[in-house]
C-alpha cells in the first residue's frame, strides 16, 4: 500500500490507479520511482547530465571503502578533495568526474586506474559499475527521445537546478536538524536520525538545517545516507 501511495504522490498513477502517461515514461528506467522522477524533472531544469551521474552513483555499490585501522584520517583527507559544499549528491558527481578523468589519463592501463582508486580509498569496481549504469541510462534517454542537456556542473544556476530536480522525486525524504547538533527529524517517517559517517557533512562544524536524503537505515543507529542541503523555500 505504501508503494502505491508513493507512486500516486509522484504522479505516476491516474485516477483509476493505473500508470499515468508520466508513470509509463518513469517505468522505462530500471530505477526507484523517486530517482526516475528526478531524471525526468531534470529535463525541465536542464541538468540531465548531472542527474544521470547522480542516479548512476547512488544505484551502484558504495564507492567509499572502509579504511583499514589507523588510516581513517588519511581516507577522510582524501575524500575531502571531492567534497562539495552543496552536499553528498554533488560530492558524488565530483568523485565520478575525477574517476573518468583518471581513466582517460590512464587509458589502457587498468592497474593505473585501480591504483588511483586505492590512493583515494575508493572502490574501482563500484565506479566502473556506475559508468556502466550511466551509459545504460543515456541509451534509455536516447531511445525514448528525451533531451540530454550539456554539462554545466558547478555554476550556481546548475546547483539550484539539480536540487529542484532531486526534490521533484525526493520531496518525501526531507529532514530537519531539530537541535543544531546533527539530530535530524525525518518529516515523513517522524523518526530522528544522524548523518551516516560517509557523508561529507559528518563531523563538520556546521550541519545544514534542512536536508534531502537518498535513503535511511534503522539498523545503523538510524542514519540517513547521501544527504544534501536544501532550502524550505525551494
C-alpha atoms as a PDB file:
ATOM      1  CA  UNK A   1       0.000   0.000   0.000  1.00  0.00           C
ATOM      2  CA  UNK A   2       2.824   2.414   0.850  1.00  0.00           C
ATOM      3  CA  UNK A   3       4.419   1.780  -2.552  1.00  0.00           C
ATOM      4  CA  UNK A   4       1.151   2.653  -4.308  1.00  0.00           C
ATOM      5  CA  UNK A   5       0.820   5.806  -2.226  1.00  0.00           C
ATOM      6  CA  UNK A   6       4.343   6.833  -3.186  1.00  0.00           C
ATOM      7  CA  UNK A   7       3.576   6.289  -6.878  1.00  0.00           C
ATOM      8  CA  UNK A   8       0.439   8.386  -6.502  1.00  0.00           C
ATOM      9  CA  UNK A   9       2.386  11.218  -4.857  1.00  0.00           C
ATOM     10  CA  UNK A  10       4.880  11.070  -7.726  1.00  0.00           C
ATOM     11  CA  UNK A  11       2.038  11.489 -10.275  1.00  0.00           C
ATOM     12  CA  UNK A  12       2.812   8.041 -11.675  1.00  0.00           C
ATOM     13  CA  UNK A  13      -0.814   6.835 -11.347  1.00  0.00           C
ATOM     14  CA  UNK A  14      -4.026   8.087 -12.913  1.00  0.00           C
ATOM     15  CA  UNK A  15      -7.377   8.410 -11.158  1.00  0.00           C
ATOM     16  CA  UNK A  16      -8.114   4.731 -11.797  1.00  0.00           C
ATOM     17  CA  UNK A  17      -4.910   3.554 -10.173  1.00  0.00           C
ATOM     18  CA  UNK A  18      -3.255   2.670 -13.471  1.00  0.00           C
ATOM     19  CA  UNK A  19       0.070   4.020 -14.650  1.00  0.00           C
ATOM     20  CA  UNK A  20      -0.313   7.549 -15.961  1.00  0.00           C
ATOM     21  CA  UNK A  21       1.499   8.691 -19.108  1.00  0.00           C
ATOM     22  CA  UNK A  22       4.145  10.117 -16.819  1.00  0.00           C
ATOM     23  CA  UNK A  23       4.314   6.848 -14.902  1.00  0.00           C
ATOM     24  CA  UNK A  24       4.776   4.873 -18.107  1.00  0.00           C
ATOM     25  CA  UNK A  25       7.790   7.009 -19.004  1.00  0.00           C
ATOM     26  CA  UNK A  26       9.144   6.589 -15.464  1.00  0.00           C
ATOM     27  CA  UNK A  27       8.849   2.819 -15.808  1.00  0.00           C
ATOM     28  CA  UNK A  28      11.302   2.879 -18.718  1.00  0.00           C
ATOM     29  CA  UNK A  29      14.091   3.394 -16.200  1.00  0.00           C
ATOM     30  CA  UNK A  30      15.269   0.408 -14.102  1.00  0.00           C
ATOM     31  CA  UNK A  31      15.432   2.657 -11.053  1.00  0.00           C
ATOM     32  CA  UNK A  32      13.478   3.522  -7.942  1.00  0.00           C
ATOM     33  CA  UNK A  33      10.446   5.686  -8.817  1.00  0.00           C
ATOM     34  CA  UNK A  34      11.864   8.685  -6.962  1.00  0.00           C
ATOM     35  CA  UNK A  35      15.053   8.540  -8.974  1.00  0.00           C
ATOM     36  CA  UNK A  36      13.176   8.115 -12.251  1.00  0.00           C
ATOM     37  CA  UNK A  37      11.022  11.138 -11.383  1.00  0.00           C
ATOM     38  CA  UNK A  38      14.125  13.210 -10.640  1.00  0.00           C
ATOM     39  CA  UNK A  39      15.652  12.302 -14.004  1.00  0.00           C
ATOM     40  CA  UNK A  40      12.501  13.350 -15.840  1.00  0.00           C
ATOM     41  CA  UNK A  41      12.381  16.582 -13.838  1.00  0.00           C
ATOM     42  CA  UNK A  42      15.990  17.270 -14.790  1.00  0.00           C
ATOM     43  CA  UNK A  43      14.846  17.594 -18.411  1.00  0.00           C
ATOM     44  CA  UNK A  44      12.773  20.600 -17.362  1.00  0.00           C
ATOM     45  CA  UNK A  45      15.544  22.085 -15.218  1.00  0.00           C
ATOM     46  CA  UNK A  46      18.251  21.388 -17.826  1.00  0.00           C
ATOM     47  CA  UNK A  47      20.580  19.397 -15.592  1.00  0.00           C
ATOM     48  CA  UNK A  48      20.186  15.953 -17.158  1.00  0.00           C
ATOM     49  CA  UNK A  49      23.907  15.253 -17.483  1.00  0.00           C
ATOM     50  CA  UNK A  50      24.479  15.766 -13.771  1.00  0.00           C
ATOM     51  CA  UNK A  51      21.317  13.936 -12.729  1.00  0.00           C
ATOM     52  CA  UNK A  52      22.308  10.861 -14.725  1.00  0.00           C
ATOM     53  CA  UNK A  53      25.633  10.826 -12.897  1.00  0.00           C
ATOM     54  CA  UNK A  54      23.897  11.058  -9.525  1.00  0.00           C
ATOM     55  CA  UNK A  55      21.487   8.282 -10.486  1.00  0.00           C
ATOM     56  CA  UNK A  56      24.347   6.026 -11.532  1.00  0.00           C
ATOM     57  CA  UNK A  57      26.373   6.693  -8.401  1.00  0.00           C
ATOM     58  CA  UNK A  58      23.543   6.057  -5.928  1.00  0.00           C
ATOM     59  CA  UNK A  59      22.478   2.922  -7.823  1.00  0.00           C
ATOM     60  CA  UNK A  60      25.970   1.416  -7.965  1.00  0.00           C
ATOM     61  CA  UNK A  61      27.535  -0.009  -4.785  1.00  0.00           C
ATOM     62  CA  UNK A  62      29.008   2.475  -2.340  1.00  0.00           C
ATOM     63  CA  UNK A  63      32.296   3.750  -3.759  1.00  0.00           C
ATOM     64  CA  UNK A  64      33.817   4.777  -0.418  1.00  0.00           C
ATOM     65  CA  UNK A  65      35.888   1.997   1.105  1.00  0.00           C
ATOM     66  CA  UNK A  66      36.145   1.317   4.813  1.00  0.00           C
ATOM     67  CA  UNK A  67      39.644   2.481   5.653  1.00  0.00           C
ATOM     68  CA  UNK A  68      41.926  -0.017   7.414  1.00  0.00           C
ATOM     69  CA  UNK A  69      42.549   0.651  11.077  1.00  0.00           C
ATOM     70  CA  UNK A  70      44.928   3.544  11.558  1.00  0.00           C
ATOM     71  CA  UNK A  71      44.271   5.095   8.143  1.00  0.00           C
ATOM     72  CA  UNK A  72      40.867   6.639   8.815  1.00  0.00           C
ATOM     73  CA  UNK A  73      42.148  10.224   8.913  1.00  0.00           C
ATOM     74  CA  UNK A  74      44.132   9.697   5.723  1.00  0.00           C
ATOM     75  CA  UNK A  75      40.991   8.428   3.980  1.00  0.00           C
ATOM     76  CA  UNK A  76      38.956  11.396   5.206  1.00  0.00           C
ATOM     77  CA  UNK A  77      41.619  13.782   3.913  1.00  0.00           C
ATOM     78  CA  UNK A  78      41.482  12.073   0.512  1.00  0.00           C
ATOM     79  CA  UNK A  79      37.693  12.204   0.351  1.00  0.00           C
ATOM     80  CA  UNK A  80      37.609  15.887   1.319  1.00  0.00           C
ATOM     81  CA  UNK A  81      39.276  16.641  -2.014  1.00  0.00           C
ATOM     82  CA  UNK A  82      35.997  15.659  -3.670  1.00  0.00           C
ATOM     83  CA  UNK A  83      33.707  17.268  -1.101  1.00  0.00           C
ATOM     84  CA  UNK A  84      31.174  19.776  -2.410  1.00  0.00           C
ATOM     85  CA  UNK A  85      29.572  22.338  -0.070  1.00  0.00           C
ATOM     86  CA  UNK A  86      26.114  21.673  -1.540  1.00  0.00           C
ATOM     87  CA  UNK A  87      26.146  18.091  -0.254  1.00  0.00           C
ATOM     88  CA  UNK A  88      26.767  14.431  -0.927  1.00  0.00           C
ATOM     89  CA  UNK A  89      24.935  14.221  -4.262  1.00  0.00           C
ATOM     90  CA  UNK A  90      27.316  16.836  -5.607  1.00  0.00           C
ATOM     91  CA  UNK A  91      30.315  15.180  -3.987  1.00  0.00           C
ATOM     92  CA  UNK A  92      29.399  12.003  -5.878  1.00  0.00           C
ATOM     93  CA  UNK A  93      29.497  13.961  -9.135  1.00  0.00           C
ATOM     94  CA  UNK A  94      32.999  15.168  -8.252  1.00  0.00           C
ATOM     95  CA  UNK A  95      34.124  11.614  -7.489  1.00  0.00           C
ATOM     96  CA  UNK A  96      32.684  10.266 -10.742  1.00  0.00           C
ATOM     97  CA  UNK A  97      34.170  13.055 -12.860  1.00  0.00           C
ATOM     98  CA  UNK A  98      37.576  12.623 -11.217  1.00  0.00           C
ATOM     99  CA  UNK A  99      37.444   8.872 -11.837  1.00  0.00           C
ATOM    100  CA  UNK A 100      36.609   9.397 -15.506  1.00  0.00           C
ATOM    101  CA  UNK A 101      39.439  11.896 -15.846  1.00  0.00           C
ATOM    102  CA  UNK A 102      41.831   9.427 -14.224  1.00  0.00           C
ATOM    103  CA  UNK A 103      40.541   6.714 -16.559  1.00  0.00           C
ATOM    104  CA  UNK A 104      41.179   8.946 -19.573  1.00  0.00           C
ATOM    105  CA  UNK A 105      44.681   9.800 -18.404  1.00  0.00           C
ATOM    106  CA  UNK A 106      45.496   6.131 -17.877  1.00  0.00           C
ATOM    107  CA  UNK A 107      43.673   4.737 -20.916  1.00  0.00           C
ATOM    108  CA  UNK A 108      44.582   1.112 -21.441  1.00  0.00           C
ATOM    109  CA  UNK A 109      46.331   0.943 -18.076  1.00  0.00           C
ATOM    110  CA  UNK A 110      43.958  -0.949 -15.812  1.00  0.00           C
ATOM    111  CA  UNK A 111      46.478  -1.123 -12.982  1.00  0.00           C
ATOM    112  CA  UNK A 112      46.938   2.669 -13.009  1.00  0.00           C
ATOM    113  CA  UNK A 113      43.190   3.171 -12.708  1.00  0.00           C
ATOM    114  CA  UNK A 114      42.968   0.789  -9.777  1.00  0.00           C
ATOM    115  CA  UNK A 115      45.983   2.420  -8.144  1.00  0.00           C
ATOM    116  CA  UNK A 116      44.273   5.806  -8.380  1.00  0.00           C
ATOM    117  CA  UNK A 117      41.239   4.371  -6.598  1.00  0.00           C
ATOM    118  CA  UNK A 118      43.380   2.772  -3.895  1.00  0.00           C
ATOM    119  CA  UNK A 119      45.158   6.069  -3.322  1.00  0.00           C
ATOM    120  CA  UNK A 120      41.804   7.722  -2.646  1.00  0.00           C
ATOM    121  CA  UNK A 121      40.246   4.813  -0.721  1.00  0.00           C
ATOM    122  CA  UNK A 122      37.640   4.328  -3.443  1.00  0.00           C
ATOM    123  CA  UNK A 123      36.187   1.163  -4.937  1.00  0.00           C
ATOM    124  CA  UNK A 124      37.270   0.810  -8.555  1.00  0.00           C
ATOM    125  CA  UNK A 125      34.640  -1.866  -9.219  1.00  0.00           C
ATOM    126  CA  UNK A 126      31.857   0.362  -7.855  1.00  0.00           C
ATOM    127  CA  UNK A 127      32.923   3.283 -10.025  1.00  0.00           C
ATOM    128  CA  UNK A 128      33.159   1.100 -13.106  1.00  0.00           C
ATOM    129  CA  UNK A 129      29.654  -0.143 -12.364  1.00  0.00           C
ATOM    130  CA  UNK A 130      28.498   3.484 -12.118  1.00  0.00           C
ATOM    131  CA  UNK A 131      29.973   4.097 -15.575  1.00  0.00           C
ATOM    132  CA  UNK A 132      28.036   1.132 -16.974  1.00  0.00           C
ATOM    133  CA  UNK A 133      24.778   2.200 -15.321  1.00  0.00           C
ATOM    134  CA  UNK A 134      25.156   5.763 -16.559  1.00  0.00           C
ATOM    135  CA  UNK A 135      25.789   4.597 -20.116  1.00  0.00           C
ATOM    136  CA  UNK A 136      22.633   2.469 -19.943  1.00  0.00           C
ATOM    137  CA  UNK A 137      20.614   5.455 -18.708  1.00  0.00           C
ATOM    138  CA  UNK A 138      21.936   7.594 -21.556  1.00  0.00           C
ATOM    139  CA  UNK A 139      20.797   4.939 -24.036  1.00  0.00           C
ATOM    140  CA  UNK A 140      17.327   4.882 -22.459  1.00  0.00           C
ATOM    141  CA  UNK A 141      17.114   8.677 -22.717  1.00  0.00           C
ATOM    142  CA  UNK A 142      18.002   8.486 -26.407  1.00  0.00           C
ATOM    143  CA  UNK A 143      15.595   5.619 -27.085  1.00  0.00           C
ATOM    144  CA  UNK A 144      12.602   7.443 -25.613  1.00  0.00           C
ATOM    145  CA  UNK A 145      13.803  10.703 -27.180  1.00  0.00           C
ATOM    146  CA  UNK A 146      14.332  12.748 -24.046  1.00  0.00           C
ATOM    147  CA  UNK A 147      16.786  15.670 -24.197  1.00  0.00           C
ATOM    148  CA  UNK A 148      20.193  15.453 -22.543  1.00  0.00           C
ATOM    149  CA  UNK A 149      21.392  18.902 -21.558  1.00  0.00           C
ATOM    150  CA  UNK A 150      25.049  19.836 -21.882  1.00  0.00           C
ATOM    151  CA  UNK A 151      27.213  19.534 -18.747  1.00  0.00           C
ATOM    152  CA  UNK A 152      27.262  22.693 -16.659  1.00  0.00           C
ATOM    153  CA  UNK A 153      28.269  21.368 -13.260  1.00  0.00           C
ATOM    154  CA  UNK A 154      29.368  23.897 -10.695  1.00  0.00           C
ATOM    155  CA  UNK A 155      27.524  27.047 -11.690  1.00  0.00           C
ATOM    156  CA  UNK A 156      25.088  28.416  -9.075  1.00  0.00           C
ATOM    157  CA  UNK A 157      22.215  28.007 -11.517  1.00  0.00           C
ATOM    158  CA  UNK A 158      23.152  24.392 -12.169  1.00  0.00           C
ATOM    159  CA  UNK A 159      23.411  23.552  -8.457  1.00  0.00           C
ATOM    160  CA  UNK A 160      19.970  25.037  -7.851  1.00  0.00           C
ATOM    161  CA  UNK A 161      18.522  23.162 -10.818  1.00  0.00           C
ATOM    162  CA  UNK A 162      19.907  19.850  -9.557  1.00  0.00           C
ATOM    163  CA  UNK A 163      18.358  20.445  -6.143  1.00  0.00           C
ATOM    164  CA  UNK A 164      14.993  21.207  -7.742  1.00  0.00           C
ATOM    165  CA  UNK A 165      15.184  18.030  -9.822  1.00  0.00           C
ATOM    166  CA  UNK A 166      16.076  15.966  -6.750  1.00  0.00           C
ATOM    167  CA  UNK A 167      13.224  17.486  -4.769  1.00  0.00           C
ATOM    168  CA  UNK A 168      10.792  16.557  -7.534  1.00  0.00           C
ATOM    169  CA  UNK A 169      11.426  12.919  -6.704  1.00  0.00           C
ATOM    170  CA  UNK A 170      12.523  13.004  -3.085  1.00  0.00           C
ATOM    171  CA  UNK A 171      10.163  15.554  -1.556  1.00  0.00           C
ATOM    172  CA  UNK A 172       9.058  12.860   0.902  1.00  0.00           C
ATOM    173  CA  UNK A 173      12.639  12.336   2.070  1.00  0.00           C
ATOM    174  CA  UNK A 174      13.388  15.577   3.839  1.00  0.00           C
ATOM    175  CA  UNK A 175      14.775  16.005   7.338  1.00  0.00           C
ATOM    176  CA  UNK A 176      15.437  18.916   9.668  1.00  0.00           C
ATOM    177  CA  UNK A 177      18.140  19.300  12.298  1.00  0.00           C
ATOM    178  CA  UNK A 178      15.968  19.726  15.385  1.00  0.00           C
ATOM    179  CA  UNK A 179      18.623  20.793  17.874  1.00  0.00           C
ATOM    180  CA  UNK A 180      21.567  22.096  15.869  1.00  0.00           C
ATOM    181  CA  UNK A 181      23.727  19.087  16.727  1.00  0.00           C
ATOM    182  CA  UNK A 182      23.007  16.799  13.789  1.00  0.00           C
ATOM    183  CA  UNK A 183      19.880  15.078  15.071  1.00  0.00           C
ATOM    184  CA  UNK A 184      17.604  15.047  12.030  1.00  0.00           C
ATOM    185  CA  UNK A 185      13.864  14.546  12.236  1.00  0.00           C
ATOM    186  CA  UNK A 186      12.684  12.784   9.077  1.00  0.00           C
ATOM    187  CA  UNK A 187       9.458  14.631   8.332  1.00  0.00           C
ATOM    188  CA  UNK A 188       7.609  11.727   6.711  1.00  0.00           C
ATOM    189  CA  UNK A 189       8.813   8.931   8.984  1.00  0.00           C
ATOM    190  CA  UNK A 190       8.776  11.062  12.164  1.00  0.00           C
ATOM    191  CA  UNK A 191      11.980   9.433  13.377  1.00  0.00           C
ATOM    192  CA  UNK A 192      15.237  11.052  14.409  1.00  0.00           C
ATOM    193  CA  UNK A 193      18.378  10.038  12.531  1.00  0.00           C
ATOM    194  CA  UNK A 194      22.018  11.034  12.300  1.00  0.00           C
ATOM    195  CA  UNK A 195      24.235  11.563   9.291  1.00  0.00           C
ATOM    196  CA  UNK A 196      25.991   8.463   8.009  1.00  0.00           C
ATOM    197  CA  UNK A 197      29.779   8.579   8.589  1.00  0.00           C
ATOM    198  CA  UNK A 198      30.390   8.619   4.817  1.00  0.00           C
ATOM    199  CA  UNK A 199      28.511  11.929   4.485  1.00  0.00           C
ATOM    200  CA  UNK A 200      30.619  14.944   3.605  1.00  0.00           C
ATOM    201  CA  UNK A 201      28.784  16.794   6.402  1.00  0.00           C
ATOM    202  CA  UNK A 202      29.792  14.219   9.028  1.00  0.00           C
ATOM    203  CA  UNK A 203      31.947  15.699  11.810  1.00  0.00           C
ATOM    204  CA  UNK A 204      31.947  19.142  10.228  1.00  0.00           C
ATOM    205  CA  UNK A 205      31.483  22.353  12.165  1.00  0.00           C
ATOM    206  CA  UNK A 206      28.188  23.145  10.502  1.00  0.00           C
ATOM    207  CA  UNK A 207      25.303  20.770   9.973  1.00  0.00           C
ATOM    208  CA  UNK A 208      22.738  22.114   7.490  1.00  0.00           C
ATOM    209  CA  UNK A 209      19.316  22.728   8.998  1.00  0.00           C
ATOM    210  CA  UNK A 210      17.296  21.224   6.137  1.00  0.00           C
ATOM    211  CA  UNK A 211      18.453  18.275   4.062  1.00  0.00           C
ATOM    212  CA  UNK A 212      17.209  15.922   1.385  1.00  0.00           C
ATOM    213  CA  UNK A 213      18.393  12.326   1.793  1.00  0.00           C
ATOM    214  CA  UNK A 214      18.567   9.414  -0.625  1.00  0.00           C
ATOM    215  CA  UNK A 215      17.909   6.629   1.878  1.00  0.00           C
ATOM    216  CA  UNK A 216      17.816   5.855   5.573  1.00  0.00           C
ATOM    217  CA  UNK A 217      18.711   2.848   7.666  1.00  0.00           C
ATOM    218  CA  UNK A 218      17.222   1.902  11.024  1.00  0.00           C
ATOM    219  CA  UNK A 219      19.830  -0.805  11.533  1.00  0.00           C
ATOM    220  CA  UNK A 220      22.782   1.573  11.823  1.00  0.00           C
ATOM    221  CA  UNK A 221      21.696   3.942  14.560  1.00  0.00           C
ATOM    222  CA  UNK A 222      19.006   5.467  12.346  1.00  0.00           C
ATOM    223  CA  UNK A 223      21.355   7.007   9.788  1.00  0.00           C
ATOM    224  CA  UNK A 224      20.483   8.953   6.663  1.00  0.00           C
ATOM    225  CA  UNK A 225      22.699   8.465   3.611  1.00  0.00           C
ATOM    226  CA  UNK A 226      23.597  10.676   0.655  1.00  0.00           C
ATOM    227  CA  UNK A 227      22.477  13.971   2.104  1.00  0.00           C
ATOM    228  CA  UNK A 228      22.390  17.428   0.535  1.00  0.00           C
ATOM    229  CA  UNK A 229      21.377  20.789   1.913  1.00  0.00           C
ATOM    230  CA  UNK A 230      18.130  22.311   0.718  1.00  0.00           C
ATOM    231  CA  UNK A 231      16.119  25.419   1.436  1.00  0.00           C
ATOM    232  CA  UNK A 232      12.497  25.118   2.580  1.00  0.00           C
ATOM    233  CA  UNK A 233      11.729  27.809   0.003  1.00  0.00           C
ATOM    234  CA  UNK A 234      12.781  25.683  -2.995  1.00  0.00           C
END
